[in-house]
Amino acid sequence: MAIGQVAVRMQRKMHSKTTIMRPGTFVVLFIFVQHMAKKSVVARSQKKPKYSTREVNRCFRCGRAKGYMRDFDLCRICFRELANEGRIPGIKKSSW
């Protein structure tokens, strides 16, 4: 298996940890970067749709359409990141 194939597989698994391929050879570091929607998809969603039911809500930060929260205009991933950083007033991590 080529090194590039291993890197692609690791990116698909979305690991954000340092991974050692073989002892003594080298270390590959993958940093989890926010998944952004394609520019073409975001541009298409900004156009006025032919029918109002085709309108898609998207996260204003990354453009993600799934896991969207209307109250905050964010997807669940961005919401969690901002809430953990304390940048959304009135939101704190729950514990019970």
PDB file of N, CA and C in Angstrom:
ATOM      1  N   MET A   1       0.851  -1.181   0.000  1.00  0.00           N
ATOM      2  CA  MET A   1       0.000   0.000   0.000  1.00  0.00           C
ATOM      3  C   MET A   1       0.894   1.241   0.000  1.00  0.00           C
ATOM      4  N   ALA A   2       0.618   2.166  -0.886  1.00  0.00           N
ATOM      5  CA  ALA A   2       1.428   3.373  -1.003  1.00  0.00           C
ATOM      6  C   ALA A   2       1.143   4.327   0.148  1.00  0.00           C
ATOM      7  N   ILE A   3       2.085   5.207   0.400  1.00  0.00           N
ATOM      8  CA  ILE A   3       1.944   6.162   1.506  1.00  0.00           C
ATOM      9  C   ILE A   3       0.744   7.064   1.286  1.00  0.00           C
ATOM     10  N   GLY A   4       0.514   7.500   0.044  1.00  0.00           N
ATOM     11  CA  GLY A   4      -0.626   8.365  -0.265  1.00  0.00           C
ATOM     12  C   GLY A   4      -1.955   7.700   0.030  1.00  0.00           C
ATOM     13  N   GLN A   5      -2.055   6.386  -0.261  1.00  0.00           N
ATOM     14  CA  GLN A   5      -3.289   5.659   0.007  1.00  0.00           C
ATOM     15  C   GLN A   5      -3.556   5.582   1.496  1.00  0.00           C
ATOM     16  N   VAL A   6      -2.511   5.385   2.290  1.00  0.00           N
ATOM     17  CA  VAL A   6      -2.669   5.327   3.748  1.00  0.00           C
ATOM     18  C   VAL A   6      -3.140   6.674   4.266  1.00  0.00           C
ATOM     19  N   ALA A   7      -2.545   7.753   3.738  1.00  0.00           N
ATOM     20  CA  ALA A   7      -2.928   9.090   4.175  1.00  0.00           C
ATOM     21  C   ALA A   7      -4.386   9.371   3.859  1.00  0.00           C
ATOM     22  N   VAL A   8      -4.844   8.964   2.669  1.00  0.00           N
ATOM     23  CA  VAL A   8      -6.239   9.184   2.284  1.00  0.00           C
ATOM     24  C   VAL A   8      -7.159   8.389   3.195  1.00  0.00           C
ATOM     25  N   ARG A   9      -6.800   7.149   3.474  1.00  0.00           N
ATOM     26  CA  ARG A   9      -7.636   6.338   4.364  1.00  0.00           C
ATOM     27  C   ARG A   9      -7.717   6.951   5.749  1.00  0.00           C
ATOM     28  N   MET A  10      -6.622   7.480   6.233  1.00  0.00           N
ATOM     29  CA  MET A  10      -6.623   8.064   7.567  1.00  0.00           C
ATOM     30  C   MET A  10      -7.472   9.333   7.589  1.00  0.00           C
ATOM     31  N   GLN A  11      -7.431  10.107   6.508  1.00  0.00           N
ATOM     32  CA  GLN A  11      -8.255  11.306   6.451  1.00  0.00           C
ATOM     33  C   GLN A  11      -9.727  10.942   6.428  1.00  0.00           C
ATOM     34  N   ARG A  12     -10.065   9.847   5.759  1.00  0.00           N
ATOM     35  CA  ARG A  12     -11.462   9.424   5.722  1.00  0.00           C
ATOM     36  C   ARG A  12     -11.949   9.049   7.103  1.00  0.00           C
ATOM     37  N   LYS A  13     -11.084   8.473   7.905  1.00  0.00           N
ATOM     38  CA  LYS A  13     -11.475   8.097   9.263  1.00  0.00           C
ATOM     39  C   LYS A  13     -11.594   9.316  10.166  1.00  0.00           C
ATOM     40  N   MET A  14     -11.079  10.463   9.695  1.00  0.00           N
ATOM     41  CA  MET A  14     -11.177  11.735  10.400  1.00  0.00           C
ATOM     42  C   MET A  14     -10.507  11.697  11.763  1.00  0.00           C
ATOM     43  N   HIS A  15      -9.353  11.100  11.852  1.00  0.00           N
ATOM     44  CA  HIS A  15      -8.605  11.108  13.103  1.00  0.00           C
ATOM     45  C   HIS A  15      -7.834  12.406  13.201  1.00  0.00           C
ATOM     46  N   SER A  16      -7.723  12.916  14.382  1.00  0.00           N
ATOM     47  CA  SER A  16      -6.985  14.154  14.571  1.00  0.00           C
ATOM     48  C   SER A  16      -5.752  13.911  15.439  1.00  0.00           C
ATOM     49  N   LYS A  17      -5.351  12.701  15.581  1.00  0.00           N
ATOM     50  CA  LYS A  17      -4.226  12.362  16.435  1.00  0.00           C
ATOM     51  C   LYS A  17      -2.978  12.132  15.589  1.00  0.00           C
ATOM     52  N   THR A  18      -1.835  12.164  16.241  1.00  0.00           N
ATOM     53  CA  THR A  18      -0.591  11.830  15.572  1.00  0.00           C
ATOM     54  C   THR A  18      -0.531  10.322  15.395  1.00  0.00           C
ATOM     55  N   THR A  19      -0.186   9.881  14.204  1.00  0.00           N
ATOM     56  CA  THR A  19      -0.175   8.462  13.909  1.00  0.00           C
ATOM     57  C   THR A  19       1.213   8.062  13.433  1.00  0.00           C
ATOM     58  N   ILE A  20       1.770   7.014  13.998  1.00  0.00           N
ATOM     59  CA  ILE A  20       3.068   6.511  13.565  1.00  0.00           C
ATOM     60  C   ILE A  20       2.807   5.364  12.602  1.00  0.00           C
ATOM     61  N   MET A  21       3.334   5.489  11.381  1.00  0.00           N
ATOM     62  CA  MET A  21       3.109   4.478  10.367  1.00  0.00           C
ATOM     63  C   MET A  21       3.894   3.210  10.679  1.00  0.00           C
ATOM     64  N   ARG A  22       5.225   3.330  10.791  1.00  0.00           N
ATOM     65  CA  ARG A  22       6.095   2.215  11.144  1.00  0.00           C
ATOM     66  C   ARG A  22       7.102   2.714  12.168  1.00  0.00           C
ATOM     67  N   PRO A  23       7.452   1.911  13.120  1.00  0.00           N
ATOM     68  CA  PRO A  23       8.430   2.376  14.116  1.00  0.00           C
ATOM     69  C   PRO A  23       9.744   2.793  13.455  1.00  0.00           C
ATOM     70  N   GLY A  24      10.198   3.987  13.796  1.00  0.00           N
ATOM     71  CA  GLY A  24      11.480   4.456  13.305  1.00  0.00           C
ATOM     72  C   GLY A  24      11.480   5.106  11.940  1.00  0.00           C
ATOM     73  N   THR A  25      10.374   5.149  11.225  1.00  0.00           N
ATOM     74  CA  THR A  25      10.394   5.734   9.886  1.00  0.00           C
ATOM     75  C   THR A  25      10.007   7.205   9.923  1.00  0.00           C
ATOM     76  N   PHE A  26       8.748   7.511  10.131  1.00  0.00           N
ATOM     77  CA  PHE A  26       8.323   8.899  10.171  1.00  0.00           C
ATOM     78  C   PHE A  26       6.968   8.991  10.856  1.00  0.00           C
ATOM     79  N   VAL A  27       6.573  10.198  11.173  1.00  0.00           N
ATOM     80  CA  VAL A  27       5.307  10.446  11.846  1.00  0.00           C
ATOM     81  C   VAL A  27       4.455  11.308  10.929  1.00  0.00           C
ATOM     82  N   VAL A  28       3.197  10.951  10.781  1.00  0.00           N
ATOM     83  CA  VAL A  28       2.264  11.728   9.973  1.00  0.00           C
ATOM     84  C   VAL A  28       1.292  12.401  10.922  1.00  0.00           C
ATOM     85  N   LEU A  29       1.131  13.686  10.780  1.00  0.00           N
ATOM     86  CA  LEU A  29       0.251  14.446  11.655  1.00  0.00           C
ATOM     87  C   LEU A  29      -0.938  14.941  10.853  1.00  0.00           C
ATOM     88  N   PHE A  30      -2.142  14.567  11.284  1.00  0.00           N
ATOM     89  CA  PHE A  30      -3.371  15.039  10.663  1.00  0.00           C
ATOM     90  C   PHE A  30      -4.083  15.926  11.657  1.00  0.00           C
ATOM     91  N   ILE A  31      -4.378  17.133  11.262  1.00  0.00           N
ATOM     92  CA  ILE A  31      -5.121  18.044  12.115  1.00  0.00           C
ATOM     93  C   ILE A  31      -6.526  18.120  11.552  1.00  0.00           C
ATOM     94  N   PHE A  32      -7.511  17.904  12.406  1.00  0.00           N
ATOM     95  CA  PHE A  32      -8.893  17.947  11.959  1.00  0.00           C
ATOM     96  C   PHE A  32      -9.243  19.371  11.593  1.00  0.00           C
ATOM     97  N   VAL A  33      -9.565  19.575  10.327  1.00  0.00           N
ATOM     98  CA  VAL A  33      -9.963  20.881   9.834  1.00  0.00           C
ATOM     99  C   VAL A  33     -11.454  20.821   9.557  1.00  0.00           C
ATOM    100  N   GLN A  34     -12.104  21.919   9.845  1.00  0.00           N
ATOM    101  CA  GLN A  34     -13.545  21.977   9.672  1.00  0.00           C
ATOM    102  C   GLN A  34     -13.925  21.586   8.248  1.00  0.00           C
ATOM    103  N   HIS A  35     -14.918  20.727   8.088  1.00  0.00           N
ATOM    104  CA  HIS A  35     -15.361  20.307   6.773  1.00  0.00           C
ATOM    105  C   HIS A  35     -16.207  21.409   6.168  1.00  0.00           C
ATOM    106  N   MET A  36     -15.714  21.947   5.100  1.00  0.00           N
ATOM    107  CA  MET A  36     -16.402  23.030   4.431  1.00  0.00           C
ATOM    108  C   MET A  36     -17.198  22.467   3.254  1.00  0.00           C
ATOM    109  N   ALA A  37     -18.345  23.064   3.003  1.00  0.00           N
ATOM    110  CA  ALA A  37     -19.138  22.672   1.838  1.00  0.00           C
ATOM    111  C   ALA A  37     -18.454  23.201   0.584  1.00  0.00           C
ATOM    112  N   LYS A  38     -18.692  22.537  -0.529  1.00  0.00           N
ATOM    113  CA  LYS A  38     -18.104  22.983  -1.802  1.00  0.00           C
ATOM    114  C   LYS A  38     -18.602  24.380  -2.132  1.00  0.00           C
ATOM    115  N   LYS A  39     -17.748  25.161  -2.751  1.00  0.00           N
ATOM    116  CA  LYS A  39     -18.129  26.523  -3.128  1.00  0.00           C
ATOM    117  C   LYS A  39     -19.294  26.516  -4.108  1.00  0.00           C
ATOM    118  N   SER A  40     -19.305  25.529  -5.013  1.00  0.00           N
ATOM    119  CA  SER A  40     -20.377  25.468  -6.000  1.00  0.00           C
ATOM    120  C   SER A  40     -21.726  25.178  -5.343  1.00  0.00           C
ATOM    121  N   VAL A  41     -21.720  24.337  -4.316  1.00  0.00           N
ATOM    122  CA  VAL A  41     -22.964  23.991  -3.618  1.00  0.00           C
ATOM    123  C   VAL A  41     -23.472  25.193  -2.831  1.00  0.00           C
ATOM    124  N   VAL A  42     -22.569  25.910  -2.179  1.00  0.00           N
ATOM    125  CA  VAL A  42     -22.960  27.097  -1.420  1.00  0.00           C
ATOM    126  C   VAL A  42     -23.495  28.165  -2.364  1.00  0.00           C
ATOM    127  N   ALA A  43     -22.826  28.358  -3.490  1.00  0.00           N
ATOM    128  CA  ALA A  43     -23.274  29.357  -4.470  1.00  0.00           C
ATOM    129  C   ALA A  43     -24.646  29.004  -5.020  1.00  0.00           C
ATOM    130  N   ARG A  44     -24.876  27.721  -5.286  1.00  0.00           N
ATOM    131  CA  ARG A  44     -26.171  27.279  -5.804  1.00  0.00           C
ATOM    132  C   ARG A  44     -27.268  27.507  -4.765  1.00  0.00           C
ATOM    133  N   SER A  45     -26.944  27.290  -3.485  1.00  0.00           N
ATOM    134  CA  SER A  45     -27.970  27.447  -2.456  1.00  0.00           C
ATOM    135  C   SER A  45     -28.296  28.915  -2.192  1.00  0.00           C
ATOM    136  N   GLN A  46     -27.399  29.820  -2.571  1.00  0.00           N
ATOM    137  CA  GLN A  46     -27.658  31.247  -2.361  1.00  0.00           C
ATOM    138  C   GLN A  46     -28.578  31.836  -3.424  1.00  0.00           C
ATOM    139  N   LYS A  47     -28.698  31.152  -4.559  1.00  0.00           N
ATOM    140  CA  LYS A  47     -29.625  31.610  -5.586  1.00  0.00           C
ATOM    141  C   LYS A  47     -31.059  31.435  -5.104  1.00  0.00           C
ATOM    142  N   LYS A  48     -31.948  32.284  -5.591  1.00  0.00           N
ATOM    143  CA  LYS A  48     -33.361  32.144  -5.220  1.00  0.00           C
ATOM    144  C   LYS A  48     -33.913  30.907  -5.925  1.00  0.00           C
ATOM    145  N   PRO A  49     -34.459  29.947  -5.153  1.00  0.00           N
ATOM    146  CA  PRO A  49     -34.967  28.727  -5.785  1.00  0.00           C
ATOM    147  C   PRO A  49     -36.263  28.980  -6.552  1.00  0.00           C
ATOM    148  N   LYS A  50     -36.539  28.077  -7.478  1.00  0.00           N
ATOM    149  CA  LYS A  50     -37.752  28.179  -8.289  1.00  0.00           C
ATOM    150  C   LYS A  50     -38.988  28.047  -7.407  1.00  0.00           C
ATOM    151  N   TYR A  51     -38.933  27.150  -6.442  1.00  0.00           N
ATOM    152  CA  TYR A  51     -40.021  26.946  -5.482  1.00  0.00           C
ATOM    153  C   TYR A  51     -39.492  27.183  -4.069  1.00  0.00           C
ATOM    154  N   SER A  52     -40.311  27.772  -3.223  1.00  0.00           N
ATOM    155  CA  SER A  52     -39.843  28.130  -1.875  1.00  0.00           C
ATOM    156  C   SER A  52     -39.499  26.915  -1.021  1.00  0.00           C
ATOM    157  N   THR A  53     -40.068  25.757  -1.335  1.00  0.00           N
ATOM    158  CA  THR A  53     -39.782  24.560  -0.535  1.00  0.00           C
ATOM    159  C   THR A  53     -38.388  23.998  -0.813  1.00  0.00           C
ATOM    160  N   ARG A  54     -37.762  24.455  -1.868  1.00  0.00           N
ATOM    161  CA  ARG A  54     -36.409  23.983  -2.197  1.00  0.00           C
ATOM    162  C   ARG A  54     -35.321  24.746  -1.452  1.00  0.00           C
ATOM    163  N   GLU A  55     -35.695  25.739  -0.705  1.00  0.00           N
ATOM    164  CA  GLU A  55     -34.714  26.536   0.020  1.00  0.00           C
ATOM    165  C   GLU A  55     -34.010  25.671   1.068  1.00  0.00           C
ATOM    166  N   VAL A  56     -32.698  25.797   1.129  1.00  0.00           N
ATOM    167  CA  VAL A  56     -31.902  24.991   2.047  1.00  0.00           C
ATOM    168  C   VAL A  56     -31.218  25.908   3.041  1.00  0.00           C
ATOM    169  N   ASN A  57     -31.380  25.617   4.327  1.00  0.00           N
ATOM    170  CA  ASN A  57     -30.679  26.364   5.363  1.00  0.00           C
ATOM    171  C   ASN A  57     -29.267  25.819   5.478  1.00  0.00           C
ATOM    172  N   ARG A  58     -28.289  26.713   5.554  1.00  0.00           N
ATOM    173  CA  ARG A  58     -26.895  26.309   5.675  1.00  0.00           C
ATOM    174  C   ARG A  58     -26.222  27.062   6.805  1.00  0.00           C
ATOM    175  N   CYS A  59     -25.257  26.411   7.397  1.00  0.00           N
ATOM    176  CA  CYS A  59     -24.448  27.028   8.448  1.00  0.00           C
ATOM    177  C   CYS A  59     -23.718  28.225   7.841  1.00  0.00           C
ATOM    178  N   PHE A  60     -23.781  29.373   8.518  1.00  0.00           N
ATOM    179  CA  PHE A  60     -23.141  30.556   7.951  1.00  0.00           C
ATOM    180  C   PHE A  60     -21.625  30.474   8.057  1.00  0.00           C
ATOM    181  N   ARG A  61     -21.139  29.619   8.930  1.00  0.00           N
ATOM    182  CA  ARG A  61     -19.698  29.519   9.161  1.00  0.00           C
ATOM    183  C   ARG A  61     -19.010  28.578   8.175  1.00  0.00           C
ATOM    184  N   CYS A  62     -19.604  27.407   7.926  1.00  0.00           N
ATOM    185  CA  CYS A  62     -18.933  26.421   7.067  1.00  0.00           C
ATOM    186  C   CYS A  62     -19.763  26.012   5.857  1.00  0.00           C
ATOM    187  N   GLY A  63     -21.051  26.329   5.827  1.00  0.00           N
ATOM    188  CA  GLY A  63     -21.884  26.002   4.672  1.00  0.00           C
ATOM    189  C   GLY A  63     -22.538  24.642   4.742  1.00  0.00           C
ATOM    190  N   ARG A  64     -22.396  23.945   5.850  1.00  0.00           N
ATOM    191  CA  ARG A  64     -22.970  22.605   6.003  1.00  0.00           C
ATOM    192  C   ARG A  64     -24.494  22.691   6.057  1.00  0.00           C
ATOM    193  N   ALA A  65     -25.185  21.777   5.361  1.00  0.00           N
ATOM    194  CA  ALA A  65     -26.641  21.799   5.302  1.00  0.00           C
ATOM    195  C   ALA A  65     -27.265  20.861   6.332  1.00  0.00           C
ATOM    196  N   LYS A  66     -26.585  19.782   6.669  1.00  0.00           N
ATOM    197  CA  LYS A  66     -27.151  18.813   7.611  1.00  0.00           C
ATOM    198  C   LYS A  66     -26.753  19.161   9.037  1.00  0.00           C
ATOM    199  N   GLY A  67     -27.632  18.842   9.963  1.00  0.00           N
ATOM    200  CA  GLY A  67     -27.361  19.136  11.368  1.00  0.00           C
ATOM    201  C   GLY A  67     -27.452  20.619  11.661  1.00  0.00           C
ATOM    202  N   TYR A  68     -28.337  21.321  10.962  1.00  0.00           N
ATOM    203  CA  TYR A  68     -28.481  22.773  11.067  1.00  0.00           C
ATOM    204  C   TYR A  68     -29.397  23.142  12.224  1.00  0.00           C
ATOM    205  N   MET A  69     -29.007  24.137  13.032  1.00  0.00           N
ATOM    206  CA  MET A  69     -29.835  24.632  14.137  1.00  0.00           C
ATOM    207  C   MET A  69     -30.311  26.033  13.787  1.00  0.00           C
ATOM    208  N   ARG A  70     -31.618  26.176  13.630  1.00  0.00           N
ATOM    209  CA  ARG A  70     -32.184  27.469  13.217  1.00  0.00           C
ATOM    210  C   ARG A  70     -31.914  28.580  14.223  1.00  0.00           C
ATOM    211  N   ASP A  71     -32.017  28.260  15.507  1.00  0.00           N
ATOM    212  CA  ASP A  71     -31.868  29.282  16.544  1.00  0.00           C
ATOM    213  C   ASP A  71     -30.513  29.988  16.473  1.00  0.00           C
ATOM    214  N   PHE A  72     -29.491  29.257  16.063  1.00  0.00           N
ATOM    215  CA  PHE A  72     -28.143  29.807  16.070  1.00  0.00           C
ATOM    216  C   PHE A  72     -27.575  30.011  14.670  1.00  0.00           C
ATOM    217  N   ASP A  73     -28.257  29.538  13.638  1.00  0.00           N
ATOM    218  CA  ASP A  73     -27.804  29.639  12.256  1.00  0.00           C
ATOM    219  C   ASP A  73     -26.455  28.934  12.078  1.00  0.00           C
ATOM    220  N   LEU A  74     -26.284  27.812  12.815  1.00  0.00           N
ATOM    221  CA  LEU A  74     -25.045  27.039  12.800  1.00  0.00           C
ATOM    222  C   LEU A  74     -25.343  25.555  12.629  1.00  0.00           C
ATOM    223  N   CYS A  75     -24.358  24.812  12.124  1.00  0.00           N
ATOM    224  CA  CYS A  75     -24.481  23.354  12.120  1.00  0.00           C
ATOM    225  C   CYS A  75     -24.051  22.845  13.501  1.00  0.00           C
ATOM    226  N   ARG A  76     -24.300  21.580  13.772  1.00  0.00           N
ATOM    227  CA  ARG A  76     -24.014  21.027  15.082  1.00  0.00           C
ATOM    228  C   ARG A  76     -22.531  21.047  15.420  1.00  0.00           C
ATOM    229  N   ILE A  77     -21.676  20.892  14.413  1.00  0.00           N
ATOM    230  CA  ILE A  77     -20.236  20.864  14.651  1.00  0.00           C
ATOM    231  C   ILE A  77     -19.728  22.246  15.044  1.00  0.00           C
ATOM    232  N   CYS A  78     -20.117  23.259  14.272  1.00  0.00           N
ATOM    233  CA  CYS A  78     -19.701  24.633  14.584  1.00  0.00           C
ATOM    234  C   CYS A  78     -20.294  25.085  15.907  1.00  0.00           C
ATOM    235  N   PHE A  79     -21.542  24.693  16.163  1.00  0.00           N
ATOM    236  CA  PHE A  79     -22.186  25.045  17.424  1.00  0.00           C
ATOM    237  C   PHE A  79     -21.385  24.497  18.603  1.00  0.00           C
ATOM    238  N   ARG A  80     -20.982  23.249  18.503  1.00  0.00           N
ATOM    239  CA  ARG A  80     -20.235  22.613  19.592  1.00  0.00           C
ATOM    240  C   ARG A  80     -18.878  23.287  19.796  1.00  0.00           C
ATOM    241  N   GLU A  81     -18.185  23.590  18.694  1.00  0.00           N
ATOM    242  CA  GLU A  81     -16.892  24.253  18.799  1.00  0.00           C
ATOM    243  C   GLU A  81     -17.022  25.617  19.479  1.00  0.00           C
ATOM    244  N   LEU A  82     -17.985  26.415  19.028  1.00  0.00           N
ATOM    245  CA  LEU A  82     -18.156  27.753  19.597  1.00  0.00           C
ATOM    246  C   LEU A  82     -18.642  27.696  21.045  1.00  0.00           C
ATOM    247  N   ALA A  83     -19.509  26.736  21.354  1.00  0.00           N
ATOM    248  CA  ALA A  83     -20.011  26.602  22.718  1.00  0.00           C
ATOM    249  C   ALA A  83     -18.895  26.189  23.668  1.00  0.00           C
ATOM    250  N   ASN A  84     -18.032  25.280  23.245  1.00  0.00           N
ATOM    251  CA  ASN A  84     -16.917  24.852  24.091  1.00  0.00           C
ATOM    252  C   ASN A  84     -15.915  25.975  24.315  1.00  0.00           C
ATOM    253  N   GLU A  85     -15.779  26.866  23.345  1.00  0.00           N
ATOM    254  CA  GLU A  85     -14.891  28.016  23.488  1.00  0.00           C
ATOM    255  C   GLU A  85     -15.542  29.130  24.308  1.00  0.00           C
ATOM    256  N   GLY A  86     -16.852  29.008  24.577  1.00  0.00           N
ATOM    257  CA  GLY A  86     -17.567  30.023  25.344  1.00  0.00           C
ATOM    258  C   GLY A  86     -17.933  31.241  24.519  1.00  0.00           C
ATOM    259  N   ARG A  87     -18.056  31.097  23.211  1.00  0.00           N
ATOM    260  CA  ARG A  87     -18.348  32.230  22.343  1.00  0.00           C
ATOM    261  C   ARG A  87     -19.837  32.395  22.058  1.00  0.00           C
ATOM    262  N   ILE A  88     -20.679  31.489  22.572  1.00  0.00           N
ATOM    263  CA  ILE A  88     -22.131  31.626  22.431  1.00  0.00           C
ATOM    264  C   ILE A  88     -22.685  31.939  23.821  1.00  0.00           C
ATOM    265  N   PRO A  89     -23.201  33.140  24.037  1.00  0.00           N
ATOM    266  CA  PRO A  89     -23.667  33.517  25.361  1.00  0.00           C
ATOM    267  C   PRO A  89     -24.856  32.670  25.813  1.00  0.00           C
ATOM    268  N   GLY A  90     -24.839  32.257  27.065  1.00  0.00           N
ATOM    269  CA  GLY A  90     -25.932  31.497  27.643  1.00  0.00           C
ATOM    270  C   GLY A  90     -25.852  30.003  27.414  1.00  0.00           C
ATOM    271  N   ILE A  91     -24.857  29.528  26.706  1.00  0.00           N
ATOM    272  CA  ILE A  91     -24.712  28.095  26.422  1.00  0.00           C
ATOM    273  C   ILE A  91     -23.539  27.546  27.217  1.00  0.00           C
ATOM    274  N   LYS A  92     -23.775  26.465  27.932  1.00  0.00           N
ATOM    275  CA  LYS A  92     -22.679  25.800  28.636  1.00  0.00           C
ATOM    276  C   LYS A  92     -22.876  24.295  28.516  1.00  0.00           C
ATOM    277  N   LYS A  93     -21.815  23.575  28.677  1.00  0.00           N
ATOM    278  CA  LYS A  93     -21.860  22.120  28.562  1.00  0.00           C
ATOM    279  C   LYS A  93     -22.653  21.561  29.727  1.00  0.00           C
ATOM    280  N   SER A  94     -23.569  20.653  29.419  1.00  0.00           N
ATOM    281  CA  SER A  94     -24.438  20.107  30.474  1.00  0.00           C
ATOM    282  C   SER A  94     -23.715  18.977  31.214  1.00  0.00           C
ATOM    283  N   SER A  95     -24.097  18.808  32.454  1.00  0.00           N
ATOM    284  CA  SER A  95     -23.618  17.663  33.241  1.00  0.00           C
ATOM    285  C   SER A  95     -24.710  17.320  34.246  1.00  0.00           C
ATOM    286  N   TRP A  96     -24.956  16.040  34.408  1.00  0.00           N
ATOM    287  CA  TRP A  96     -25.985  15.618  35.359  1.00  0.00           C
ATOM    288  C   TRP A  96     -25.608  14.325  36.002  1.00  0.00           C
TER     289      TRP A  96
END
